[in-house]
Amino acid sequence: MPVTGSGEDPRVLGLRSAVSRLRRELAVLPAEFPDRSIAEEELAALAAMAVAGTPEVSRLHRSLLLVAGAIGSVSALARSLAEVRRAVELFGEAATGR
């Protein structure tokens, strides 16, 4: 995978940016919803994985599913959630079967 001039994987940079944007939008959203804390926790986990470097693909997908389930019906966050999904997809498919 190519790296940027800073030596970082562009997929990681994209994930970091998308997660940051969604976290900011969620923080200023005045509406409360039942699974907001789940979304906040999983977004924090995604951010931590992005900061640490190349994340574990299966963990990325798990966190994405939890975030999507928690905020999927909040239309104000749909665009940013889609950006996070696209960023996660750049890492490939999660391994199936355990």
PDB file of N, CA and C in Angstrom:
ATOM      1  N   MET A   1       0.856  -1.180   0.000  1.00  0.00           N
ATOM      2  CA  MET A   1       0.000   0.000   0.000  1.00  0.00           C
ATOM      3  C   MET A   1       0.897   1.236   0.000  1.00  0.00           C
ATOM      4  N   PRO A   2       0.601   2.204  -0.866  1.00  0.00           N
ATOM      5  CA  PRO A   2       1.398   3.432  -0.904  1.00  0.00           C
ATOM      6  C   PRO A   2       1.272   4.201   0.412  1.00  0.00           C
ATOM      7  N   VAL A   3       2.280   4.974   0.662  1.00  0.00           N
ATOM      8  CA  VAL A   3       2.263   5.816   1.855  1.00  0.00           C
ATOM      9  C   VAL A   3       2.346   7.270   1.425  1.00  0.00           C
ATOM     10  N   THR A   4       1.946   8.145   2.304  1.00  0.00           N
ATOM     11  CA  THR A   4       2.014   9.573   2.018  1.00  0.00           C
ATOM     12  C   THR A   4       3.433  10.065   2.245  1.00  0.00           C
ATOM     13  N   GLY A   5       3.663  11.328   1.972  1.00  0.00           N
ATOM     14  CA  GLY A   5       4.968  11.922   2.210  1.00  0.00           C
ATOM     15  C   GLY A   5       5.389  11.813   3.661  1.00  0.00           C
ATOM     16  N   SER A   6       4.417  11.716   4.551  1.00  0.00           N
ATOM     17  CA  SER A   6       4.724  11.595   5.975  1.00  0.00           C
ATOM     18  C   SER A   6       4.993  10.148   6.371  1.00  0.00           C
ATOM     19  N   GLY A   7       4.875   9.226   5.399  1.00  0.00           N
ATOM     20  CA  GLY A   7       5.119   7.821   5.700  1.00  0.00           C
ATOM     21  C   GLY A   7       3.903   7.090   6.233  1.00  0.00           C
ATOM     22  N   GLU A   8       2.750   7.749   6.266  1.00  0.00           N
ATOM     23  CA  GLU A   8       1.543   7.118   6.785  1.00  0.00           C
ATOM     24  C   GLU A   8       0.712   6.521   5.662  1.00  0.00           C
ATOM     25  N   ASP A   9       0.042   5.449   5.970  1.00  0.00           N
ATOM     26  CA  ASP A   9      -0.867   4.788   5.044  1.00  0.00           C
ATOM     27  C   ASP A   9      -2.046   5.732   4.784  1.00  0.00           C
ATOM     28  N   PRO A  10      -2.354   6.054   3.532  1.00  0.00           N
ATOM     29  CA  PRO A  10      -3.458   6.973   3.253  1.00  0.00           C
ATOM     30  C   PRO A  10      -4.814   6.438   3.711  1.00  0.00           C
ATOM     31  N   ARG A  11      -4.945   5.117   3.808  1.00  0.00           N
ATOM     32  CA  ARG A  11      -6.204   4.552   4.319  1.00  0.00           C
ATOM     33  C   ARG A  11      -6.390   4.926   5.782  1.00  0.00           C
ATOM     34  N   VAL A  12      -5.302   4.900   6.527  1.00  0.00           N
ATOM     35  CA  VAL A  12      -5.360   5.256   7.950  1.00  0.00           C
ATOM     36  C   VAL A  12      -5.691   6.740   8.095  1.00  0.00           C
ATOM     37  N   LEU A  13      -5.078   7.565   7.262  1.00  0.00           N
ATOM     38  CA  LEU A  13      -5.378   8.999   7.300  1.00  0.00           C
ATOM     39  C   LEU A  13      -6.841   9.257   6.970  1.00  0.00           C
ATOM     40  N   GLY A  14      -7.365   8.555   5.968  1.00  0.00           N
ATOM     41  CA  GLY A  14      -8.765   8.711   5.598  1.00  0.00           C
ATOM     42  C   GLY A  14      -9.701   8.262   6.705  1.00  0.00           C
ATOM     43  N   LEU A  15      -9.363   7.154   7.357  1.00  0.00           N
ATOM     44  CA  LEU A  15     -10.173   6.657   8.469  1.00  0.00           C
ATOM     45  C   LEU A  15     -10.155   7.663   9.609  1.00  0.00           C
ATOM     46  N   ARG A  16      -8.979   8.154   9.931  1.00  0.00           N
ATOM     47  CA  ARG A  16      -8.849   9.132  11.020  1.00  0.00           C
ATOM     48  C   ARG A  16      -9.710  10.359  10.745  1.00  0.00           C
ATOM     49  N   SER A  17      -9.657  10.859   9.528  1.00  0.00           N
ATOM     50  CA  SER A  17     -10.416  12.049   9.147  1.00  0.00           C
ATOM     51  C   SER A  17     -11.927  11.792   9.206  1.00  0.00           C
ATOM     52  N   ALA A  18     -12.365  10.666   8.649  1.00  0.00           N
ATOM     53  CA  ALA A  18     -13.796  10.350   8.624  1.00  0.00           C
ATOM     54  C   ALA A  18     -14.343  10.151  10.033  1.00  0.00           C
ATOM     55  N   VAL A  19     -13.602   9.443  10.864  1.00  0.00           N
ATOM     56  CA  VAL A  19     -14.040   9.208  12.247  1.00  0.00           C
ATOM     57  C   VAL A  19     -14.093  10.522  13.013  1.00  0.00           C
ATOM     58  N   SER A  20     -13.095  11.357  12.830  1.00  0.00           N
ATOM     59  CA  SER A  20     -13.063  12.647  13.509  1.00  0.00           C
ATOM     60  C   SER A  20     -14.279  13.501  13.140  1.00  0.00           C
ATOM     61  N   ARG A  21     -14.599  13.522  11.860  1.00  0.00           N
ATOM     62  CA  ARG A  21     -15.749  14.301  11.395  1.00  0.00           C
ATOM     63  C   ARG A  21     -17.054  13.787  12.019  1.00  0.00           C
ATOM     64  N   LEU A  22     -17.235  12.472  12.020  1.00  0.00           N
ATOM     65  CA  LEU A  22     -18.458  11.903  12.589  1.00  0.00           C
ATOM     66  C   LEU A  22     -18.516  12.152  14.094  1.00  0.00           C
ATOM     67  N   ARG A  23     -17.394  12.055  14.781  1.00  0.00           N
ATOM     68  CA  ARG A  23     -17.381  12.327  16.221  1.00  0.00           C
ATOM     69  C   ARG A  23     -17.771  13.775  16.514  1.00  0.00           C
ATOM     70  N   ARG A  24     -17.259  14.708  15.703  1.00  0.00           N
ATOM     71  CA  ARG A  24     -17.607  16.128  15.897  1.00  0.00           C
ATOM     72  C   ARG A  24     -19.104  16.351  15.672  1.00  0.00           C
ATOM     73  N   GLU A  25     -19.632  15.761  14.606  1.00  0.00           N
ATOM     74  CA  GLU A  25     -21.050  15.941  14.312  1.00  0.00           C
ATOM     75  C   GLU A  25     -21.932  15.310  15.388  1.00  0.00           C
ATOM     76  N   LEU A  26     -21.535  14.167  15.880  1.00  0.00           N
ATOM     77  CA  LEU A  26     -22.290  13.519  16.951  1.00  0.00           C
ATOM     78  C   LEU A  26     -22.245  14.360  18.223  1.00  0.00           C
ATOM     79  N   ALA A  27     -21.102  14.957  18.510  1.00  0.00           N
ATOM     80  CA  ALA A  27     -20.942  15.760  19.733  1.00  0.00           C
ATOM     81  C   ALA A  27     -21.862  16.974  19.755  1.00  0.00           C
ATOM     82  N   VAL A  28     -22.112  17.574  18.598  1.00  0.00           N
ATOM     83  CA  VAL A  28     -22.947  18.781  18.573  1.00  0.00           C
ATOM     84  C   VAL A  28     -24.415  18.475  18.285  1.00  0.00           C
ATOM     85  N   LEU A  29     -24.732  17.209  18.071  1.00  0.00           N
ATOM     86  CA  LEU A  29     -26.120  16.822  17.824  1.00  0.00           C
ATOM     87  C   LEU A  29     -26.909  16.948  19.120  1.00  0.00           C
ATOM     88  N   PRO A  30     -27.935  17.802  19.144  1.00  0.00           N
ATOM     89  CA  PRO A  30     -28.663  18.002  20.394  1.00  0.00           C
ATOM     90  C   PRO A  30     -29.567  16.826  20.773  1.00  0.00           C
ATOM     91  N   ALA A  31     -29.954  16.042  19.812  1.00  0.00           N
ATOM     92  CA  ALA A  31     -30.884  14.945  20.073  1.00  0.00           C
ATOM     93  C   ALA A  31     -30.217  13.825  20.856  1.00  0.00           C
ATOM     94  N   GLU A  32     -30.938  13.307  21.796  1.00  0.00           N
ATOM     95  CA  GLU A  32     -30.491  12.129  22.518  1.00  0.00           C
ATOM     96  C   GLU A  32     -31.181  10.926  21.900  1.00  0.00           C
ATOM     97  N   PHE A  33     -30.483   9.812  21.849  1.00  0.00           N
ATOM     98  CA  PHE A  33     -31.077   8.577  21.364  1.00  0.00           C
ATOM     99  C   PHE A  33     -30.492   7.440  22.188  1.00  0.00           C
ATOM    100  N   PRO A  34     -31.198   6.327  22.271  1.00  0.00           N
ATOM    101  CA  PRO A  34     -30.839   5.264  23.219  1.00  0.00           C
ATOM    102  C   PRO A  34     -29.410   4.736  23.119  1.00  0.00           C
ATOM    103  N   ASP A  35     -28.874   4.606  21.921  1.00  0.00           N
ATOM    104  CA  ASP A  35     -27.564   3.985  21.757  1.00  0.00           C
ATOM    105  C   ASP A  35     -26.431   4.982  21.504  1.00  0.00           C
ATOM    106  N   ARG A  36     -26.651   6.214  21.872  1.00  0.00           N
ATOM    107  CA  ARG A  36     -25.625   7.242  21.634  1.00  0.00           C
ATOM    108  C   ARG A  36     -24.294   6.874  22.291  1.00  0.00           C
ATOM    109  N   SER A  37     -24.339   6.371  23.503  1.00  0.00           N
ATOM    110  CA  SER A  37     -23.086   6.031  24.202  1.00  0.00           C
ATOM    111  C   SER A  37     -22.333   4.911  23.485  1.00  0.00           C
ATOM    112  N   ILE A  38     -23.060   3.979  22.883  1.00  0.00           N
ATOM    113  CA  ILE A  38     -22.415   2.910  22.117  1.00  0.00           C
ATOM    114  C   ILE A  38     -21.686   3.511  20.927  1.00  0.00           C
ATOM    115  N   ALA A  39     -22.359   4.405  20.217  1.00  0.00           N
ATOM    116  CA  ALA A  39     -21.743   5.067  19.061  1.00  0.00           C
ATOM    117  C   ALA A  39     -20.495   5.827  19.488  1.00  0.00           C
ATOM    118  N   GLU A  40     -20.574   6.571  20.582  1.00  0.00           N
ATOM    119  CA  GLU A  40     -19.427   7.344  21.054  1.00  0.00           C
ATOM    120  C   GLU A  40     -18.259   6.439  21.430  1.00  0.00           C
ATOM    121  N   GLU A  41     -18.546   5.326  22.108  1.00  0.00           N
ATOM    122  CA  GLU A  41     -17.486   4.399  22.515  1.00  0.00           C
ATOM    123  C   GLU A  41     -16.814   3.756  21.310  1.00  0.00           C
ATOM    124  N   GLU A  42     -17.607   3.324  20.338  1.00  0.00           N
ATOM    125  CA  GLU A  42     -17.033   2.664  19.164  1.00  0.00           C
ATOM    126  C   GLU A  42     -16.292   3.650  18.267  1.00  0.00           C
ATOM    127  N   LEU A  43     -16.760   4.876  18.189  1.00  0.00           N
ATOM    128  CA  LEU A  43     -16.023   5.889  17.435  1.00  0.00           C
ATOM    129  C   LEU A  43     -14.691   6.191  18.114  1.00  0.00           C
ATOM    130  N   ALA A  44     -14.682   6.196  19.436  1.00  0.00           N
ATOM    131  CA  ALA A  44     -13.422   6.382  20.167  1.00  0.00           C
ATOM    132  C   ALA A  44     -12.479   5.211  19.888  1.00  0.00           C
ATOM    133  N   ALA A  45     -13.025   3.998  19.808  1.00  0.00           N
ATOM    134  CA  ALA A  45     -12.205   2.826  19.508  1.00  0.00           C
ATOM    135  C   ALA A  45     -11.642   2.913  18.087  1.00  0.00           C
ATOM    136  N   LEU A  46     -12.470   3.335  17.127  1.00  0.00           N
ATOM    137  CA  LEU A  46     -11.996   3.505  15.751  1.00  0.00           C
ATOM    138  C   LEU A  46     -10.898   4.563  15.678  1.00  0.00           C
ATOM    139  N   ALA A  47     -11.087   5.651  16.396  1.00  0.00           N
ATOM    140  CA  ALA A  47     -10.074   6.714  16.409  1.00  0.00           C
ATOM    141  C   ALA A  47      -8.762   6.195  16.987  1.00  0.00           C
ATOM    142  N   ALA A  48      -8.838   5.419  18.047  1.00  0.00           N
ATOM    143  CA  ALA A  48      -7.637   4.867  18.666  1.00  0.00           C
ATOM    144  C   ALA A  48      -6.926   3.909  17.717  1.00  0.00           C
ATOM    145  N   MET A  49      -7.692   3.103  16.985  1.00  0.00           N
ATOM    146  CA  MET A  49      -7.082   2.187  16.016  1.00  0.00           C
ATOM    147  C   MET A  49      -6.376   2.960  14.909  1.00  0.00           C
ATOM    148  N   ALA A  50      -6.985   4.055  14.469  1.00  0.00           N
ATOM    149  CA  ALA A  50      -6.391   4.862  13.404  1.00  0.00           C
ATOM    150  C   ALA A  50      -5.104   5.535  13.876  1.00  0.00           C
ATOM    151  N   VAL A  51      -5.067   5.953  15.115  1.00  0.00           N
ATOM    152  CA  VAL A  51      -3.869   6.593  15.660  1.00  0.00           C
ATOM    153  C   VAL A  51      -2.743   5.567  15.834  1.00  0.00           C
ATOM    154  N   ALA A  52      -3.110   4.342  16.174  1.00  0.00           N
ATOM    155  CA  ALA A  52      -2.113   3.300  16.430  1.00  0.00           C
ATOM    156  C   ALA A  52      -1.443   2.785  15.153  1.00  0.00           C
ATOM    157  N   GLY A  53      -2.037   3.065  14.005  1.00  0.00           N
ATOM    158  CA  GLY A  53      -1.461   2.563  12.752  1.00  0.00           C
ATOM    159  C   GLY A  53      -2.456   1.702  12.019  1.00  0.00           C
ATOM    160  N   THR A  54      -1.979   0.699  11.304  1.00  0.00           N
ATOM    161  CA  THR A  54      -2.863  -0.156  10.520  1.00  0.00           C
ATOM    162  C   THR A  54      -3.716  -1.006  11.456  1.00  0.00           C
ATOM    163  N   PRO A  55      -5.015  -0.773  11.445  1.00  0.00           N
ATOM    164  CA  PRO A  55      -5.906  -1.478  12.366  1.00  0.00           C
ATOM    165  C   PRO A  55      -6.250  -2.894  11.902  1.00  0.00           C
ATOM    166  N   GLU A  56      -6.745  -3.676  12.821  1.00  0.00           N
ATOM    167  CA  GLU A  56      -7.214  -5.033  12.535  1.00  0.00           C
ATOM    168  C   GLU A  56      -8.538  -4.927  11.783  1.00  0.00           C
ATOM    169  N   VAL A  57      -8.611  -5.527  10.608  1.00  0.00           N
ATOM    170  CA  VAL A  57      -9.759  -5.373   9.723  1.00  0.00           C
ATOM    171  C   VAL A  57     -11.046  -5.878  10.370  1.00  0.00           C
ATOM    172  N   SER A  58     -11.011  -7.020  11.011  1.00  0.00           N
ATOM    173  CA  SER A  58     -12.237  -7.545  11.614  1.00  0.00           C
ATOM    174  C   SER A  58     -12.740  -6.625  12.728  1.00  0.00           C
ATOM    175  N   ARG A  59     -11.839  -6.025  13.462  1.00  0.00           N
ATOM    176  CA  ARG A  59     -12.233  -5.086  14.528  1.00  0.00           C
ATOM    177  C   ARG A  59     -12.830  -3.816  13.930  1.00  0.00           C
ATOM    178  N   LEU A  60     -12.260  -3.350  12.811  1.00  0.00           N
ATOM    179  CA  LEU A  60     -12.824  -2.184  12.124  1.00  0.00           C
ATOM    180  C   LEU A  60     -14.268  -2.444  11.725  1.00  0.00           C
ATOM    181  N   HIS A  61     -14.496  -3.597  11.114  1.00  0.00           N
ATOM    182  CA  HIS A  61     -15.843  -3.929  10.650  1.00  0.00           C
ATOM    183  C   HIS A  61     -16.816  -4.083  11.815  1.00  0.00           C
ATOM    184  N   ARG A  62     -16.356  -4.665  12.901  1.00  0.00           N
ATOM    185  CA  ARG A  62     -17.215  -4.820  14.085  1.00  0.00           C
ATOM    186  C   ARG A  62     -17.623  -3.454  14.626  1.00  0.00           C
ATOM    187  N   SER A  63     -16.649  -2.565  14.752  1.00  0.00           N
ATOM    188  CA  SER A  63     -16.954  -1.224  15.260  1.00  0.00           C
ATOM    189  C   SER A  63     -17.884  -0.475  14.322  1.00  0.00           C
ATOM    190  N   LEU A  64     -17.650  -0.616  13.013  1.00  0.00           N
ATOM    191  CA  LEU A  64     -18.526   0.033  12.036  1.00  0.00           C
ATOM    192  C   LEU A  64     -19.958  -0.459  12.181  1.00  0.00           C
ATOM    193  N   LEU A  65     -20.146  -1.760  12.337  1.00  0.00           N
ATOM    194  CA  LEU A  65     -21.501  -2.303  12.501  1.00  0.00           C
ATOM    195  C   LEU A  65     -22.176  -1.760  13.757  1.00  0.00           C
ATOM    196  N   LEU A  66     -21.424  -1.668  14.836  1.00  0.00           N
ATOM    197  CA  LEU A  66     -21.991  -1.142  16.078  1.00  0.00           C
ATOM    198  C   LEU A  66     -22.362   0.331  15.942  1.00  0.00           C
ATOM    199  N   VAL A  67     -21.486   1.109  15.302  1.00  0.00           N
ATOM    200  CA  VAL A  67     -21.777   2.532  15.100  1.00  0.00           C
ATOM    201  C   VAL A  67     -23.000   2.684  14.198  1.00  0.00           C
ATOM    202  N   ALA A  68     -23.030   1.949  13.101  1.00  0.00           N
ATOM    203  CA  ALA A  68     -24.150   2.038  12.168  1.00  0.00           C
ATOM    204  C   ALA A  68     -25.457   1.640  12.845  1.00  0.00           C
ATOM    205  N   GLY A  69     -25.416   0.602  13.655  1.00  0.00           N
ATOM    206  CA  GLY A  69     -26.617   0.185  14.376  1.00  0.00           C
ATOM    207  C   GLY A  69     -27.072   1.216  15.391  1.00  0.00           C
ATOM    208  N   ALA A  70     -26.114   1.897  15.990  1.00  0.00           N
ATOM    209  CA  ALA A  70     -26.441   2.875  17.022  1.00  0.00           C
ATOM    210  C   ALA A  70     -26.973   4.187  16.450  1.00  0.00           C
ATOM    211  N   ILE A  71     -26.455   4.622  15.300  1.00  0.00           N
ATOM    212  CA  ILE A  71     -26.855   5.930  14.777  1.00  0.00           C
ATOM    213  C   ILE A  71     -27.467   5.862  13.387  1.00  0.00           C
ATOM    214  N   GLY A  72     -27.689   4.668  12.900  1.00  0.00           N
ATOM    215  CA  GLY A  72     -28.186   4.496  11.541  1.00  0.00           C
ATOM    216  C   GLY A  72     -29.460   5.243  11.214  1.00  0.00           C
ATOM    217  N   SER A  73     -30.303   5.467  12.186  1.00  0.00           N
ATOM    218  CA  SER A  73     -31.569   6.148  11.917  1.00  0.00           C
ATOM    219  C   SER A  73     -31.488   7.663  12.107  1.00  0.00           C
ATOM    220  N   VAL A  74     -30.332   8.182  12.459  1.00  0.00           N
ATOM    221  CA  VAL A  74     -30.162   9.622  12.658  1.00  0.00           C
ATOM    222  C   VAL A  74     -29.719  10.219  11.320  1.00  0.00           C
ATOM    223  N   SER A  75     -30.676  10.763  10.596  1.00  0.00           N
ATOM    224  CA  SER A  75     -30.400  11.228   9.227  1.00  0.00           C
ATOM    225  C   SER A  75     -29.342  12.329   9.166  1.00  0.00           C
ATOM    226  N   ALA A  76     -29.227  13.128  10.206  1.00  0.00           N
ATOM    227  CA  ALA A  76     -28.239  14.209  10.216  1.00  0.00           C
ATOM    228  C   ALA A  76     -26.804  13.680  10.163  1.00  0.00           C
ATOM    229  N   LEU A  77     -26.612  12.409  10.507  1.00  0.00           N
ATOM    230  CA  LEU A  77     -25.274  11.832  10.542  1.00  0.00           C
ATOM    231  C   LEU A  77     -25.013  10.886   9.367  1.00  0.00           C
ATOM    232  N   ALA A  78     -25.968  10.740   8.475  1.00  0.00           N
ATOM    233  CA  ALA A  78     -25.879   9.749   7.399  1.00  0.00           C
ATOM    234  C   ALA A  78     -24.659   9.956   6.503  1.00  0.00           C
ATOM    235  N   ARG A  79     -24.394  11.166   6.091  1.00  0.00           N
ATOM    236  CA  ARG A  79     -23.271  11.422   5.187  1.00  0.00           C
ATOM    237  C   ARG A  79     -21.941  11.079   5.855  1.00  0.00           C
ATOM    238  N   SER A  80     -21.756  11.504   7.082  1.00  0.00           N
ATOM    239  CA  SER A  80     -20.495  11.220   7.784  1.00  0.00           C
ATOM    240  C   SER A  80     -20.352   9.734   8.097  1.00  0.00           C
ATOM    241  N   LEU A  81     -21.451   9.079   8.407  1.00  0.00           N
ATOM    242  CA  LEU A  81     -21.409   7.636   8.641  1.00  0.00           C
ATOM    243  C   LEU A  81     -20.999   6.916   7.356  1.00  0.00           C
ATOM    244  N   ALA A  82     -21.511   7.363   6.219  1.00  0.00           N
ATOM    245  CA  ALA A  82     -21.140   6.768   4.931  1.00  0.00           C
ATOM    246  C   ALA A  82     -19.647   6.961   4.659  1.00  0.00           C
ATOM    247  N   GLU A  83     -19.091   8.097   5.055  1.00  0.00           N
ATOM    248  CA  GLU A  83     -17.656   8.337   4.878  1.00  0.00           C
ATOM    249  C   GLU A  83     -16.828   7.374   5.729  1.00  0.00           C
ATOM    250  N   VAL A  84     -17.279   7.121   6.939  1.00  0.00           N
ATOM    251  CA  VAL A  84     -16.574   6.164   7.801  1.00  0.00           C
ATOM    252  C   VAL A  84     -16.662   4.770   7.170  1.00  0.00           C
ATOM    253  N   ARG A  85     -17.829   4.405   6.669  1.00  0.00           N
ATOM    254  CA  ARG A  85     -18.001   3.104   6.025  1.00  0.00           C
ATOM    255  C   ARG A  85     -17.040   2.959   4.844  1.00  0.00           C
ATOM    256  N   ARG A  86     -16.968   3.977   3.997  1.00  0.00           N
ATOM    257  CA  ARG A  86     -16.055   3.924   2.845  1.00  0.00           C
ATOM    258  C   ARG A  86     -14.597   3.807   3.299  1.00  0.00           C
ATOM    259  N   ALA A  87     -14.237   4.523   4.351  1.00  0.00           N
ATOM    260  CA  ALA A  87     -12.869   4.457   4.865  1.00  0.00           C
ATOM    261  C   ALA A  87     -12.548   3.059   5.385  1.00  0.00           C
ATOM    262  N   VAL A  88     -13.487   2.443   6.072  1.00  0.00           N
ATOM    263  CA  VAL A  88     -13.283   1.084   6.585  1.00  0.00           C
ATOM    264  C   VAL A  88     -13.171   0.097   5.427  1.00  0.00           C
ATOM    265  N   GLU A  89     -14.001   0.259   4.414  1.00  0.00           N
ATOM    266  CA  GLU A  89     -13.983  -0.652   3.270  1.00  0.00           C
ATOM    267  C   GLU A  89     -12.657  -0.661   2.527  1.00  0.00           C
ATOM    268  N   LEU A  90     -11.900   0.428   2.606  1.00  0.00           N
ATOM    269  CA  LEU A  90     -10.598   0.483   1.941  1.00  0.00           C
ATOM    270  C   LEU A  90      -9.598  -0.517   2.531  1.00  0.00           C
ATOM    271  N   PHE A  91      -9.868  -0.987   3.735  1.00  0.00           N
ATOM    272  CA  PHE A  91      -8.988  -1.953   4.377  1.00  0.00           C
ATOM    273  C   PHE A  91      -9.289  -3.380   3.941  1.00  0.00           C
ATOM    274  N   GLY A  92     -10.375  -3.574   3.193  1.00  0.00           N
ATOM    275  CA  GLY A  92     -10.736  -4.903   2.703  1.00  0.00           C
ATOM    276  C   GLY A  92     -11.784  -5.572   3.569  1.00  0.00           C
ATOM    277  N   GLU A  93     -12.066  -6.777   3.192  1.00  0.00           N
ATOM    278  CA  GLU A  93     -13.083  -7.565   3.889  1.00  0.00           C
ATOM    279  C   GLU A  93     -12.528  -8.157   5.187  1.00  0.00           C
ATOM    280  N   ALA A  94     -13.406  -8.260   6.156  1.00  0.00           N
ATOM    281  CA  ALA A  94     -13.040  -8.914   7.396  1.00  0.00           C
ATOM    282  C   ALA A  94     -12.971 -10.422   7.141  1.00  0.00           C
ATOM    283  N   ALA A  95     -12.106 -11.103   7.846  1.00  0.00           N
ATOM    284  CA  ALA A  95     -12.017 -12.554   7.716  1.00  0.00           C
ATOM    285  C   ALA A  95     -13.317 -13.182   8.202  1.00  0.00           C
ATOM    286  N   THR A  96     -13.800 -14.170   7.473  1.00  0.00           N
ATOM    287  CA  THR A  96     -15.027 -14.847   7.884  1.00  0.00           C
ATOM    288  C   THR A  96     -14.681 -16.159   8.531  1.00  0.00           C
ATOM    289  N   GLY A  97     -15.573 -16.605   9.386  1.00  0.00           N
ATOM    290  CA  GLY A  97     -15.337 -17.856  10.113  1.00  0.00           C
ATOM    291  C   GLY A  97     -14.311 -17.668  11.201  1.00  0.00           C
ATOM    292  N   ARG A  98     -14.468 -18.375  12.264  1.00  0.00           N
ATOM    293  CA  ARG A  98     -13.513 -18.245  13.372  1.00  0.00           C
ATOM    294  C   ARG A  98     -12.997 -19.571  13.777  1.00  0.00           C
TER     295      ARG A  98
END
